[in-house]
Each structure stands twice: as C-alpha cells, then as structure tokens.
Amino acid sequence: MGYRLVLSAPVWGFNDVFYRRAHLSVKRDFAEYVMENTLFKVAFPAEFHAQTAVEAAFRLHPQVVHRVDEVHNVTIHTTRGAVRCIDKTGPLTNPADRDHCLQYAVAVALLYGTLTAEHYEEAVAADPRIDELRRRMHVVENPQYSADYLDPERRSVTNAVQVHFADRTSTSKVEVEYPLGHRRRRLECFPALEKKLLAALGTRMPPLRAGRVFELCLDPQRFDAMAVPDFVELFSPAPSPFILPPMRGGVDFKPQGARAGAPALGYGGYEVGNEDDADEAPGIEYPGLGRGGAR
C-alpha cells in the first residue's frame, strides 16, 4: 500500500513536490537525539518558553512579595521564540490564554512563590496585583539566548528576570539557562517527580495504599518484574489481595519531613510508620509483588 519510494517517486514523491527534484538531506544521522533531548514539564504547569522565567521569579519571590506596591518595573530577558509565542499584553480571557502568557506566569510566581493549574483559574486571575505587575513588565529579546535556543548542542531555554523598585533599588538579575526537565538537569527532576507522584496518588486512594504503590514505583527491581495487569490492578477500587496483600499493624505512610512541614522527597525519600508515633511503629516486611501474588 502507498508509494514504494515515498521520497524519490516521480512527480508525487517528496523530493519532487517539496524540493523541486532535489534530494532530501538531513544535518544529523537518525539516532536517539529526539528522545534524549525531550523536555519534560516537572514542577509546574507553564508554556515551555516560560519555564525558566518562572523559576527565576520563584527565587525573587521573597524579595518582592512584601514590596509589590513599590515595584516600578520588571524586566524579562528572553528568547525570540518566547517573544513570538507568549509575550502577551491586554486582557486574558481564559485559563489557556493565561497559561500562554509569559507575564502572567511570572507575576504569579513573584506574588505567590508557586504556580499550579489553579493559578490560571478565575479566582486567582481576579487578584488585581497580577494585572498591575503585568502592566509594569518589559519583555526584551536577548540575541544570545535566541542563538543558544537554536543551537542543537545546547537547546537552552534561557530567561532572566530583574525587578526594579520605585526607590531606584533593584533585585539581582536572576538568570536560569536550562529548565527543570531539560537533558542537562535530569537528575534534579526526581525529587519533584516523586513529590508529584505521591500527591497524585493521594487524590485517588487512601494514604496507606498510596504509600505502598509509591514505594513499589521507587523499587526498580520489583517494578520491572511486575506484570502490567498486576500493576494496573493496584489502581482498581478493590485490588486483589494476591496483588496487594493486607498489611498488619495499622501502619500508615508518611513522607520524610512530614512532621516538620513540606516533604523532602529524594531517592527513597519516604518512611513507613504509624501516623501518631512513627518511631515506635512495628517493622513491616513487604511481600514481593508480581504475577502469582505474594511469595
């Protein structure tokens, strides 16, 4: 079916139609480049040209949040791609519009020190400080950032943010070259991914069960040995006891650092213990999981 010679077929082949009978040429051999350079959104939802700008704004948040009324202007140095795609002024009519606005994402990051999907909804967008900050923002293309963005060996997505106050003082110019999720920052992703996974599991199952699924996902040997149907079974309303055996002792799951506040999740960043007295909780031996049940 189809053309046997899709590139070189006379008249209707790719070369004749698009290259005027010249031959298609590629700048690099076909290999794993695309897979190795995939950009992952890890910590917060924002259009990718804005990811490093938001991260820079997070760092500036403590210096700005208590001086919002004193802000004279905010300068965002960015790439040509960002200027074309997400440099927006004027009214933003819906969450998708706000998600693709560089100034909106930076304003939220400066004001709140975080950015979630809820920040694009009407309730947060009604905060008058956001549009006031947007009006005071200047987006400037940095030619070097644009060149590095197109450089196949770098593929950086650099942004820099600086806040200037009415008394003529300024914050430092915070520059972030590679976003979290870039090939050059892969290892930094794991704590954020683990935190994201645990939070997502917690919206669909009780803490005890979420913790056990989370632990399984962080154990490469057990995870790789588990059959796909058995893994899917973990997410059913009542998983088979052969797949997820009942636990003894009423032991619950807590991320490390939960007592002190925000969890600090890293490789294996969790502990098993009683919700009220984790230190005295009995030790739990997790049966091996896989087709055929516990062993």
C-alpha atoms as a PDB file:
ATOM      1  CA  MET A   1       0.000   0.000   0.000  1.00  0.00           C
ATOM      2  CA  GLY A   2       1.152   3.549  -0.628  1.00  0.00           C
ATOM      3  CA  TYR A   3       4.209   4.657  -2.564  1.00  0.00           C
ATOM      4  CA  ARG A   4       7.082   2.206  -2.522  1.00  0.00           C
ATOM      5  CA  LEU A   5       9.540   5.087  -2.919  1.00  0.00           C
ATOM      6  CA  VAL A   6       7.951   7.867  -0.919  1.00  0.00           C
ATOM      7  CA  LEU A   7      10.932  10.224  -1.319  1.00  0.00           C
ATOM      8  CA  SER A   8      12.010   9.588  -4.904  1.00  0.00           C
ATOM      9  CA  ALA A   9       8.759   8.603  -6.661  1.00  0.00           C
ATOM     10  CA  PRO A  10       8.439  10.706  -9.854  1.00  0.00           C
ATOM     11  CA  VAL A  11       6.019  13.659  -9.812  1.00  0.00           C
ATOM     12  CA  TRP A  12       4.336  12.877  -6.474  1.00  0.00           C
ATOM     13  CA  GLY A  13       7.338  11.880  -4.362  1.00  0.00           C
ATOM     14  CA  PHE A  14       8.521  14.088  -1.502  1.00  0.00           C
ATOM     15  CA  ASN A  15      11.635  15.237  -3.373  1.00  0.00           C
ATOM     16  CA  ASP A  16       9.735  16.314  -6.499  1.00  0.00           C
ATOM     17  CA  VAL A  17       6.906  18.025  -4.618  1.00  0.00           C
ATOM     18  CA  PHE A  18       8.813  19.832  -1.885  1.00  0.00           C
ATOM     19  CA  TYR A  19      12.415  20.025  -3.105  1.00  0.00           C
ATOM     20  CA  ARG A  20      11.907  20.558  -6.847  1.00  0.00           C
ATOM     21  CA  ARG A  21      13.576  17.243  -7.617  1.00  0.00           C
ATOM     22  CA  ALA A  22      16.497  17.854  -5.271  1.00  0.00           C
ATOM     23  CA  HIS A  23      17.233  15.187  -2.682  1.00  0.00           C
ATOM     24  CA  LEU A  24      16.212  15.395   0.950  1.00  0.00           C
ATOM     25  CA  SER A  25      19.232  15.893   3.189  1.00  0.00           C
ATOM     26  CA  VAL A  26      19.491  15.779   6.975  1.00  0.00           C
ATOM     27  CA  LYS A  27      22.016  17.509   9.222  1.00  0.00           C
ATOM     28  CA  ARG A  28      22.490  14.548  11.552  1.00  0.00           C
ATOM     29  CA  ASP A  29      22.150  10.795  11.346  1.00  0.00           C
ATOM     30  CA  PHE A  30      18.883   9.317  12.523  1.00  0.00           C
ATOM     31  CA  ALA A  31      19.515   8.040  16.041  1.00  0.00           C
ATOM     32  CA  GLU A  32      18.340   8.870  19.567  1.00  0.00           C
ATOM     33  CA  TYR A  33      18.715  12.681  19.518  1.00  0.00           C
ATOM     34  CA  VAL A  34      14.992  13.457  19.806  1.00  0.00           C
ATOM     35  CA  MET A  35      14.440  11.025  22.676  1.00  0.00           C
ATOM     36  CA  GLU A  36      17.487  12.217  24.604  1.00  0.00           C
ATOM     37  CA  ASN A  37      16.511  15.867  24.221  1.00  0.00           C
ATOM     38  CA  THR A  38      12.849  15.581  25.150  1.00  0.00           C
ATOM     39  CA  LEU A  39      11.830  18.380  27.517  1.00  0.00           C
ATOM     40  CA  PHE A  40       9.689  17.289  30.461  1.00  0.00           C
ATOM     41  CA  LYS A  41       7.438  19.604  32.450  1.00  0.00           C
ATOM     42  CA  VAL A  42       8.080  18.512  36.002  1.00  0.00           C
ATOM     43  CA  ALA A  43       7.437  21.004  38.770  1.00  0.00           C
ATOM     44  CA  PHE A  44       4.788  23.418  37.499  1.00  0.00           C
ATOM     45  CA  PRO A  45       2.475  23.976  34.518  1.00  0.00           C
ATOM     46  CA  ALA A  46       3.679  26.720  32.183  1.00  0.00           C
ATOM     47  CA  GLU A  47       4.371  27.015  28.460  1.00  0.00           C
ATOM     48  CA  PHE A  48       7.923  25.789  27.976  1.00  0.00           C
ATOM     49  CA  HIS A  49       9.412  29.095  26.838  1.00  0.00           C
ATOM     50  CA  ALA A  50       8.357  30.455  30.248  1.00  0.00           C
ATOM     51  CA  GLN A  51       9.657  27.648  32.468  1.00  0.00           C
ATOM     52  CA  THR A  52      12.997  29.228  33.363  1.00  0.00           C
ATOM     53  CA  ALA A  53      11.416  32.671  33.785  1.00  0.00           C
ATOM     54  CA  VAL A  54       9.027  31.217  36.356  1.00  0.00           C
ATOM     55  CA  GLU A  55      11.896  29.505  38.158  1.00  0.00           C
ATOM     56  CA  ALA A  56      13.804  32.802  38.258  1.00  0.00           C
ATOM     57  CA  ALA A  57      10.703  34.532  39.636  1.00  0.00           C
ATOM     58  CA  PHE A  58      10.410  31.891  42.362  1.00  0.00           C
ATOM     59  CA  ARG A  59      13.888  32.844  43.534  1.00  0.00           C
ATOM     60  CA  LEU A  60      12.940  36.524  43.590  1.00  0.00           C
ATOM     61  CA  HIS A  61       9.630  35.972  45.387  1.00  0.00           C
ATOM     62  CA  PRO A  62      10.986  36.554  48.945  1.00  0.00           C
ATOM     63  CA  GLN A  63      12.494  39.892  47.873  1.00  0.00           C
ATOM     64  CA  VAL A  64       9.374  41.100  46.074  1.00  0.00           C
ATOM     65  CA  VAL A  65       6.266  39.786  47.825  1.00  0.00           C
ATOM     66  CA  HIS A  66       6.386  42.383  50.617  1.00  0.00           C
ATOM     67  CA  ARG A  67       7.260  45.249  48.248  1.00  0.00           C
ATOM     68  CA  VAL A  68       4.738  44.738  45.461  1.00  0.00           C
ATOM     69  CA  ASP A  69       3.405  48.288  45.815  1.00  0.00           C
ATOM     70  CA  GLU A  70       6.941  49.616  45.333  1.00  0.00           C
ATOM     71  CA  VAL A  71       7.635  47.800  42.055  1.00  0.00           C
ATOM     72  CA  HIS A  72       8.465  50.262  39.282  1.00  0.00           C
ATOM     73  CA  ASN A  73       9.037  47.719  36.521  1.00  0.00           C
ATOM     74  CA  VAL A  74      10.044  44.126  35.870  1.00  0.00           C
ATOM     75  CA  THR A  75      12.428  43.267  33.040  1.00  0.00           C
ATOM     76  CA  ILE A  76      12.283  39.819  31.461  1.00  0.00           C
ATOM     77  CA  HIS A  77      15.149  38.897  29.136  1.00  0.00           C
ATOM     78  CA  THR A  78      14.127  36.014  26.923  1.00  0.00           C
ATOM     79  CA  THR A  79      14.344  34.280  23.538  1.00  0.00           C
ATOM     80  CA  ARG A  80      12.809  35.247  20.220  1.00  0.00           C
ATOM     81  CA  GLY A  81      10.577  32.185  20.443  1.00  0.00           C
ATOM     82  CA  ALA A  82       9.116  33.399  23.731  1.00  0.00           C
ATOM     83  CA  VAL A  83       8.518  36.882  22.332  1.00  0.00           C
ATOM     84  CA  ARG A  84       6.621  35.388  19.406  1.00  0.00           C
ATOM     85  CA  CYS A  85       4.613  32.827  21.364  1.00  0.00           C
ATOM     86  CA  ILE A  86       3.858  34.092  24.857  1.00  0.00           C
ATOM     87  CA  ASP A  87       4.594  37.830  25.100  1.00  0.00           C
ATOM     88  CA  LYS A  88       1.018  38.992  25.711  1.00  0.00           C
ATOM     89  CA  THR A  89      -0.449  42.286  26.853  1.00  0.00           C
ATOM     90  CA  GLY A  90      -4.063  43.254  27.404  1.00  0.00           C
ATOM     91  CA  PRO A  91      -6.957  41.166  28.749  1.00  0.00           C
ATOM     92  CA  LEU A  92      -6.591  37.397  29.160  1.00  0.00           C
ATOM     93  CA  THR A  93      -9.936  35.684  28.760  1.00  0.00           C
ATOM     94  CA  ASN A  94      -9.479  32.112  29.995  1.00  0.00           C
ATOM     95  CA  PRO A  95      -7.002  29.685  31.616  1.00  0.00           C
ATOM     96  CA  ALA A  96      -5.469  28.682  28.267  1.00  0.00           C
ATOM     97  CA  ASP A  97      -4.849  32.347  27.486  1.00  0.00           C
ATOM     98  CA  ARG A  98      -3.144  32.863  30.848  1.00  0.00           C
ATOM     99  CA  ASP A  99      -1.133  29.650  30.563  1.00  0.00           C
ATOM    100  CA  HIS A 100       0.430  31.032  27.382  1.00  0.00           C
ATOM    101  CA  CYS A 101       1.254  34.458  28.782  1.00  0.00           C
ATOM    102  CA  LEU A 102       4.840  34.940  29.961  1.00  0.00           C
ATOM    103  CA  GLN A 103       3.961  37.998  32.038  1.00  0.00           C
ATOM    104  CA  TYR A 104       1.062  36.275  33.806  1.00  0.00           C
ATOM    105  CA  ALA A 105       3.158  33.252  34.813  1.00  0.00           C
ATOM    106  CA  VAL A 106       5.989  35.457  36.086  1.00  0.00           C
ATOM    107  CA  ALA A 107       3.583  37.698  38.009  1.00  0.00           C
ATOM    108  CA  VAL A 108       2.009  34.717  39.789  1.00  0.00           C
ATOM    109  CA  ALA A 109       5.445  33.307  40.625  1.00  0.00           C
ATOM    110  CA  LEU A 110       6.586  36.640  42.078  1.00  0.00           C
ATOM    111  CA  LEU A 111       3.410  37.071  44.127  1.00  0.00           C
ATOM    112  CA  TYR A 112       2.754  33.526  45.325  1.00  0.00           C
ATOM    113  CA  GLY A 113       6.118  31.784  45.117  1.00  0.00           C
ATOM    114  CA  THR A 114       4.445  28.829  43.411  1.00  0.00           C
ATOM    115  CA  LEU A 115       2.486  28.035  40.260  1.00  0.00           C
ATOM    116  CA  THR A 116      -0.238  25.406  39.857  1.00  0.00           C
ATOM    117  CA  ALA A 117      -3.086  24.828  37.421  1.00  0.00           C
ATOM    118  CA  GLU A 118      -5.431  26.581  39.860  1.00  0.00           C
ATOM    119  CA  HIS A 119      -3.482  29.824  39.436  1.00  0.00           C
ATOM    120  CA  TYR A 120      -4.808  30.090  35.879  1.00  0.00           C
ATOM    121  CA  GLU A 121      -8.434  29.963  37.003  1.00  0.00           C
ATOM    122  CA  GLU A 122     -10.741  32.937  37.543  1.00  0.00           C
ATOM    123  CA  ALA A 123     -10.395  33.002  41.338  1.00  0.00           C
ATOM    124  CA  VAL A 124      -6.673  33.769  41.212  1.00  0.00           C
ATOM    125  CA  ALA A 125      -6.816  35.798  37.995  1.00  0.00           C
ATOM    126  CA  ALA A 126      -9.129  38.216  39.821  1.00  0.00           C
ATOM    127  CA  ASP A 127      -6.205  39.274  42.043  1.00  0.00           C
ATOM    128  CA  PRO A 128      -5.645  42.877  40.835  1.00  0.00           C
ATOM    129  CA  ARG A 129      -1.936  42.707  41.659  1.00  0.00           C
ATOM    130  CA  ILE A 130      -1.353  40.270  38.783  1.00  0.00           C
ATOM    131  CA  ASP A 131      -2.510  42.604  36.015  1.00  0.00           C
ATOM    132  CA  GLU A 132      -0.808  45.533  37.722  1.00  0.00           C
ATOM    133  CA  LEU A 133       2.508  43.685  37.627  1.00  0.00           C
ATOM    134  CA  ARG A 134       1.876  42.643  34.021  1.00  0.00           C
ATOM    135  CA  ARG A 135       1.466  46.285  33.036  1.00  0.00           C
ATOM    136  CA  ARG A 136       4.862  47.043  34.552  1.00  0.00           C
ATOM    137  CA  MET A 137       6.724  44.280  32.728  1.00  0.00           C
ATOM    138  CA  HIS A 138       9.087  44.763  29.804  1.00  0.00           C
ATOM    139  CA  VAL A 139       9.945  41.712  27.690  1.00  0.00           C
ATOM    140  CA  VAL A 140      13.263  42.026  25.864  1.00  0.00           C
ATOM    141  CA  GLU A 141      14.820  39.563  23.442  1.00  0.00           C
ATOM    142  CA  ASN A 142      18.410  38.613  24.214  1.00  0.00           C
ATOM    143  CA  PRO A 143      20.058  37.597  20.906  1.00  0.00           C
ATOM    144  CA  GLN A 144      22.446  35.206  22.654  1.00  0.00           C
ATOM    145  CA  TYR A 145      19.530  33.445  24.352  1.00  0.00           C
ATOM    146  CA  SER A 146      17.866  33.058  20.946  1.00  0.00           C
ATOM    147  CA  ALA A 147      21.039  31.638  19.398  1.00  0.00           C
ATOM    148  CA  ASP A 148      21.553  29.153  22.242  1.00  0.00           C
ATOM    149  CA  TYR A 149      17.922  28.080  21.966  1.00  0.00           C
ATOM    150  CA  LEU A 150      18.526  27.019  18.355  1.00  0.00           C
ATOM    151  CA  ASP A 151      21.979  25.517  18.974  1.00  0.00           C
ATOM    152  CA  PRO A 152      21.457  21.721  18.667  1.00  0.00           C
ATOM    153  CA  GLU A 153      24.198  21.060  21.217  1.00  0.00           C
ATOM    154  CA  ARG A 154      22.708  23.380  23.836  1.00  0.00           C
ATOM    155  CA  ARG A 155      18.959  23.700  23.249  1.00  0.00           C
ATOM    156  CA  SER A 156      18.795  26.062  26.217  1.00  0.00           C
ATOM    157  CA  VAL A 157      15.605  27.935  27.120  1.00  0.00           C
ATOM    158  CA  THR A 158      17.177  30.823  28.991  1.00  0.00           C
ATOM    159  CA  ASN A 159      15.275  33.567  30.774  1.00  0.00           C
ATOM    160  CA  ALA A 160      16.411  36.238  33.207  1.00  0.00           C
ATOM    161  CA  VAL A 161      14.204  38.322  35.490  1.00  0.00           C
ATOM    162  CA  GLN A 162      15.022  41.515  37.381  1.00  0.00           C
ATOM    163  CA  VAL A 163      12.691  43.669  39.478  1.00  0.00           C
ATOM    164  CA  HIS A 164      13.248  47.417  39.835  1.00  0.00           C
ATOM    165  CA  PHE A 165      11.672  49.406  42.673  1.00  0.00           C
ATOM    166  CA  ALA A 166      10.461  52.987  42.895  1.00  0.00           C
ATOM    167  CA  ASP A 167      13.358  53.963  45.193  1.00  0.00           C
ATOM    168  CA  ARG A 168      15.765  53.067  42.350  1.00  0.00           C
ATOM    169  CA  THR A 169      16.953  49.876  44.017  1.00  0.00           C
ATOM    170  CA  SER A 170      16.734  46.566  42.192  1.00  0.00           C
ATOM    171  CA  THR A 171      16.920  42.880  42.821  1.00  0.00           C
ATOM    172  CA  SER A 172      19.756  40.940  41.277  1.00  0.00           C
ATOM    173  CA  LYS A 173      19.232  39.769  37.708  1.00  0.00           C
ATOM    174  CA  VAL A 174      18.370  36.087  38.124  1.00  0.00           C
ATOM    175  CA  GLU A 175      19.158  34.001  35.060  1.00  0.00           C
ATOM    176  CA  VAL A 176      18.154  30.370  34.552  1.00  0.00           C
ATOM    177  CA  GLU A 177      19.551  28.702  31.450  1.00  0.00           C
ATOM    178  CA  TYR A 178      18.047  25.224  31.431  1.00  0.00           C
ATOM    179  CA  PRO A 179      14.568  24.359  32.735  1.00  0.00           C
ATOM    180  CA  LEU A 180      13.967  21.544  35.162  1.00  0.00           C
ATOM    181  CA  GLY A 181      13.277  18.584  32.877  1.00  0.00           C
ATOM    182  CA  HIS A 182      15.969  19.526  30.346  1.00  0.00           C
ATOM    183  CA  ARG A 183      18.553  16.909  29.405  1.00  0.00           C
ATOM    184  CA  ARG A 184      21.191  18.776  31.423  1.00  0.00           C
ATOM    185  CA  ARG A 185      19.045  18.784  34.588  1.00  0.00           C
ATOM    186  CA  ARG A 186      17.612  15.269  34.509  1.00  0.00           C
ATOM    187  CA  LEU A 187      18.806  14.204  37.969  1.00  0.00           C
ATOM    188  CA  GLU A 188      17.234  17.269  39.591  1.00  0.00           C
ATOM    189  CA  CYS A 189      13.831  16.080  38.386  1.00  0.00           C
ATOM    190  CA  PHE A 190      13.490  13.055  40.624  1.00  0.00           C
ATOM    191  CA  PRO A 191      12.613  14.715  43.960  1.00  0.00           C
ATOM    192  CA  ALA A 192       9.968  16.846  42.229  1.00  0.00           C
ATOM    193  CA  LEU A 193       8.626  13.840  40.299  1.00  0.00           C
ATOM    194  CA  GLU A 194       8.359  11.765  43.471  1.00  0.00           C
ATOM    195  CA  LYS A 195       6.515  14.548  45.263  1.00  0.00           C
ATOM    196  CA  LYS A 196       4.198  14.946  42.271  1.00  0.00           C
ATOM    197  CA  LEU A 197       3.523  11.195  42.089  1.00  0.00           C
ATOM    198  CA  LEU A 198       2.728  10.900  45.790  1.00  0.00           C
ATOM    199  CA  ALA A 199       0.378  13.891  45.643  1.00  0.00           C
ATOM    200  CA  ALA A 200      -1.408  12.439  42.602  1.00  0.00           C
ATOM    201  CA  LEU A 201      -1.776   9.013  44.214  1.00  0.00           C
ATOM    202  CA  GLY A 202      -3.220  10.686  47.297  1.00  0.00           C
ATOM    203  CA  THR A 203      -6.105  12.072  45.248  1.00  0.00           C
ATOM    204  CA  ARG A 204      -7.194   8.585  44.177  1.00  0.00           C
ATOM    205  CA  MET A 205      -6.528   6.232  47.102  1.00  0.00           C
ATOM    206  CA  PRO A 206      -6.063   6.170  50.904  1.00  0.00           C
ATOM    207  CA  PRO A 207      -2.643   7.240  52.260  1.00  0.00           C
ATOM    208  CA  LEU A 208      -1.628   3.701  53.246  1.00  0.00           C
ATOM    209  CA  ARG A 209      -2.283   2.299  49.792  1.00  0.00           C
ATOM    210  CA  ALA A 210      -0.786   5.346  48.067  1.00  0.00           C
ATOM    211  CA  GLY A 211       2.384   4.853  50.075  1.00  0.00           C
ATOM    212  CA  ARG A 212       2.716   1.221  49.089  1.00  0.00           C
ATOM    213  CA  VAL A 213       2.205   1.962  45.388  1.00  0.00           C
ATOM    214  CA  PHE A 214       4.685   4.818  45.698  1.00  0.00           C
ATOM    215  CA  GLU A 215       7.250   2.532  47.331  1.00  0.00           C
ATOM    216  CA  LEU A 216       6.809  -0.022  44.557  1.00  0.00           C
ATOM    217  CA  CYS A 217       7.431   2.608  41.877  1.00  0.00           C
ATOM    218  CA  LEU A 218      10.694   3.573  43.588  1.00  0.00           C
ATOM    219  CA  ASP A 219      11.958  -0.013  43.674  1.00  0.00           C
ATOM    220  CA  PRO A 220      13.335  -0.727  40.157  1.00  0.00           C
ATOM    221  CA  GLN A 221      13.713  -4.480  40.650  1.00  0.00           C
ATOM    222  CA  ARG A 222      10.174  -5.040  41.917  1.00  0.00           C
ATOM    223  CA  PHE A 223       8.675  -2.577  39.454  1.00  0.00           C
ATOM    224  CA  ASP A 224      10.403  -4.088  36.409  1.00  0.00           C
ATOM    225  CA  ALA A 225       9.470  -7.625  37.469  1.00  0.00           C
ATOM    226  CA  MET A 226       5.790  -6.795  37.895  1.00  0.00           C
ATOM    227  CA  ALA A 227       3.386  -7.728  35.100  1.00  0.00           C
ATOM    228  CA  VAL A 228       1.406  -4.855  33.594  1.00  0.00           C
ATOM    229  CA  PRO A 229      -2.023  -6.330  34.556  1.00  0.00           C
ATOM    230  CA  ASP A 230      -0.839  -6.637  38.161  1.00  0.00           C
ATOM    231  CA  PHE A 231       0.315  -3.020  38.216  1.00  0.00           C
ATOM    232  CA  VAL A 232      -2.996  -1.824  36.771  1.00  0.00           C
ATOM    233  CA  GLU A 233      -4.789  -3.881  39.421  1.00  0.00           C
ATOM    234  CA  LEU A 234      -3.236  -1.672  42.123  1.00  0.00           C
ATOM    235  CA  PHE A 235      -5.435   1.192  40.917  1.00  0.00           C
ATOM    236  CA  SER A 236      -8.716  -0.734  40.985  1.00  0.00           C
ATOM    237  CA  PRO A 237     -11.270   0.135  43.720  1.00  0.00           C
ATOM    238  CA  ALA A 238     -10.582  -3.171  45.492  1.00  0.00           C
ATOM    239  CA  PRO A 239      -7.265  -4.689  44.359  1.00  0.00           C
ATOM    240  CA  SER A 240      -6.810  -8.426  44.666  1.00  0.00           C
ATOM    241  CA  PRO A 241      -5.168  -9.472  47.966  1.00  0.00           C
ATOM    242  CA  PHE A 242      -2.789 -11.555  45.870  1.00  0.00           C
ATOM    243  CA  ILE A 243      -1.535  -8.348  44.262  1.00  0.00           C
ATOM    244  CA  LEU A 244      -1.689  -6.026  47.284  1.00  0.00           C
ATOM    245  CA  PRO A 245      -1.728  -8.184  50.446  1.00  0.00           C
ATOM    246  CA  PRO A 246      -3.330  -6.625  53.550  1.00  0.00           C
ATOM    247  CA  MET A 247      -0.829  -5.057  55.944  1.00  0.00           C
ATOM    248  CA  ARG A 248      -0.602  -5.842  59.613  1.00  0.00           C
ATOM    249  CA  GLY A 249      -0.477  -3.383  62.464  1.00  0.00           C
ATOM    250  CA  GLY A 250      -2.412  -0.437  61.006  1.00  0.00           C
ATOM    251  CA  VAL A 251       0.771   1.148  59.779  1.00  0.00           C
ATOM    252  CA  ASP A 252       0.476   4.272  57.698  1.00  0.00           C
ATOM    253  CA  PHE A 253       2.794   6.011  55.276  1.00  0.00           C
ATOM    254  CA  LYS A 254       4.448   9.399  55.662  1.00  0.00           C
ATOM    255  CA  PRO A 255       6.996  11.184  53.500  1.00  0.00           C
ATOM    256  CA  GLN A 256      10.181  12.158  55.287  1.00  0.00           C
ATOM    257  CA  GLY A 257       9.923  15.643  56.699  1.00  0.00           C
ATOM    258  CA  ALA A 258       6.135  15.484  57.031  1.00  0.00           C
ATOM    259  CA  ARG A 259       6.278  16.380  60.728  1.00  0.00           C
ATOM    260  CA  ALA A 260       8.307  19.496  60.020  1.00  0.00           C
ATOM    261  CA  GLY A 261       6.163  20.655  57.123  1.00  0.00           C
ATOM    262  CA  ALA A 262       6.732  20.178  53.427  1.00  0.00           C
ATOM    263  CA  PRO A 263       8.000  16.714  52.471  1.00  0.00           C
ATOM    264  CA  ALA A 264      11.584  16.417  51.308  1.00  0.00           C
ATOM    265  CA  LEU A 265      11.404  13.642  48.762  1.00  0.00           C
ATOM    266  CA  GLY A 266      14.510  12.242  47.120  1.00  0.00           C
ATOM    267  CA  TYR A 267      15.554   8.785  46.048  1.00  0.00           C
ATOM    268  CA  GLY A 268      13.807   6.552  48.541  1.00  0.00           C
ATOM    269  CA  GLY A 269      12.597   9.705  50.312  1.00  0.00           C
ATOM    270  CA  TYR A 270       9.906   8.123  52.456  1.00  0.00           C
ATOM    271  CA  GLU A 271       9.447   6.262  55.692  1.00  0.00           C
ATOM    272  CA  VAL A 272       6.894   3.776  56.935  1.00  0.00           C
ATOM    273  CA  GLY A 273       5.454   4.406  60.352  1.00  0.00           C
ATOM    274  CA  ASN A 274       2.368   4.919  62.462  1.00  0.00           C
ATOM    275  CA  GLU A 275       0.686   8.253  61.831  1.00  0.00           C
ATOM    276  CA  ASP A 276       0.836   9.208  65.517  1.00  0.00           C
ATOM    277  CA  ASP A 277       4.073   7.541  66.556  1.00  0.00           C
ATOM    278  CA  ALA A 278       6.239   6.747  63.561  1.00  0.00           C
ATOM    279  CA  ASP A 279       9.328   5.989  65.622  1.00  0.00           C
ATOM    280  CA  GLU A 280       7.642   3.148  67.505  1.00  0.00           C
ATOM    281  CA  ALA A 281       5.772   1.600  64.587  1.00  0.00           C
ATOM    282  CA  PRO A 282       6.452  -2.101  64.034  1.00  0.00           C
ATOM    283  CA  GLY A 283       8.679  -3.014  61.126  1.00  0.00           C
ATOM    284  CA  ILE A 284       6.839  -4.126  58.026  1.00  0.00           C
ATOM    285  CA  GLU A 285       8.075  -6.653  55.537  1.00  0.00           C
ATOM    286  CA  TYR A 286       6.589  -6.053  52.111  1.00  0.00           C
ATOM    287  CA  PRO A 287       5.901  -9.261  50.187  1.00  0.00           C
ATOM    288  CA  GLY A 288       7.270  -9.430  46.673  1.00  0.00           C
ATOM    289  CA  LEU A 289       4.710  -8.300  44.150  1.00  0.00           C
ATOM    290  CA  GLY A 290       4.244  -9.921  40.778  1.00  0.00           C
ATOM    291  CA  ARG A 291       2.089 -12.341  38.849  1.00  0.00           C
ATOM    292  CA  GLY A 292       1.106 -15.156  41.149  1.00  0.00           C
ATOM    293  CA  GLY A 293       0.736 -12.906  44.186  1.00  0.00           C
ATOM    294  CA  ALA A 294       2.813 -12.711  47.358  1.00  0.00           C
ATOM    295  CA  ARG A 295       5.673 -15.017  47.996  1.00  0.00           C
END
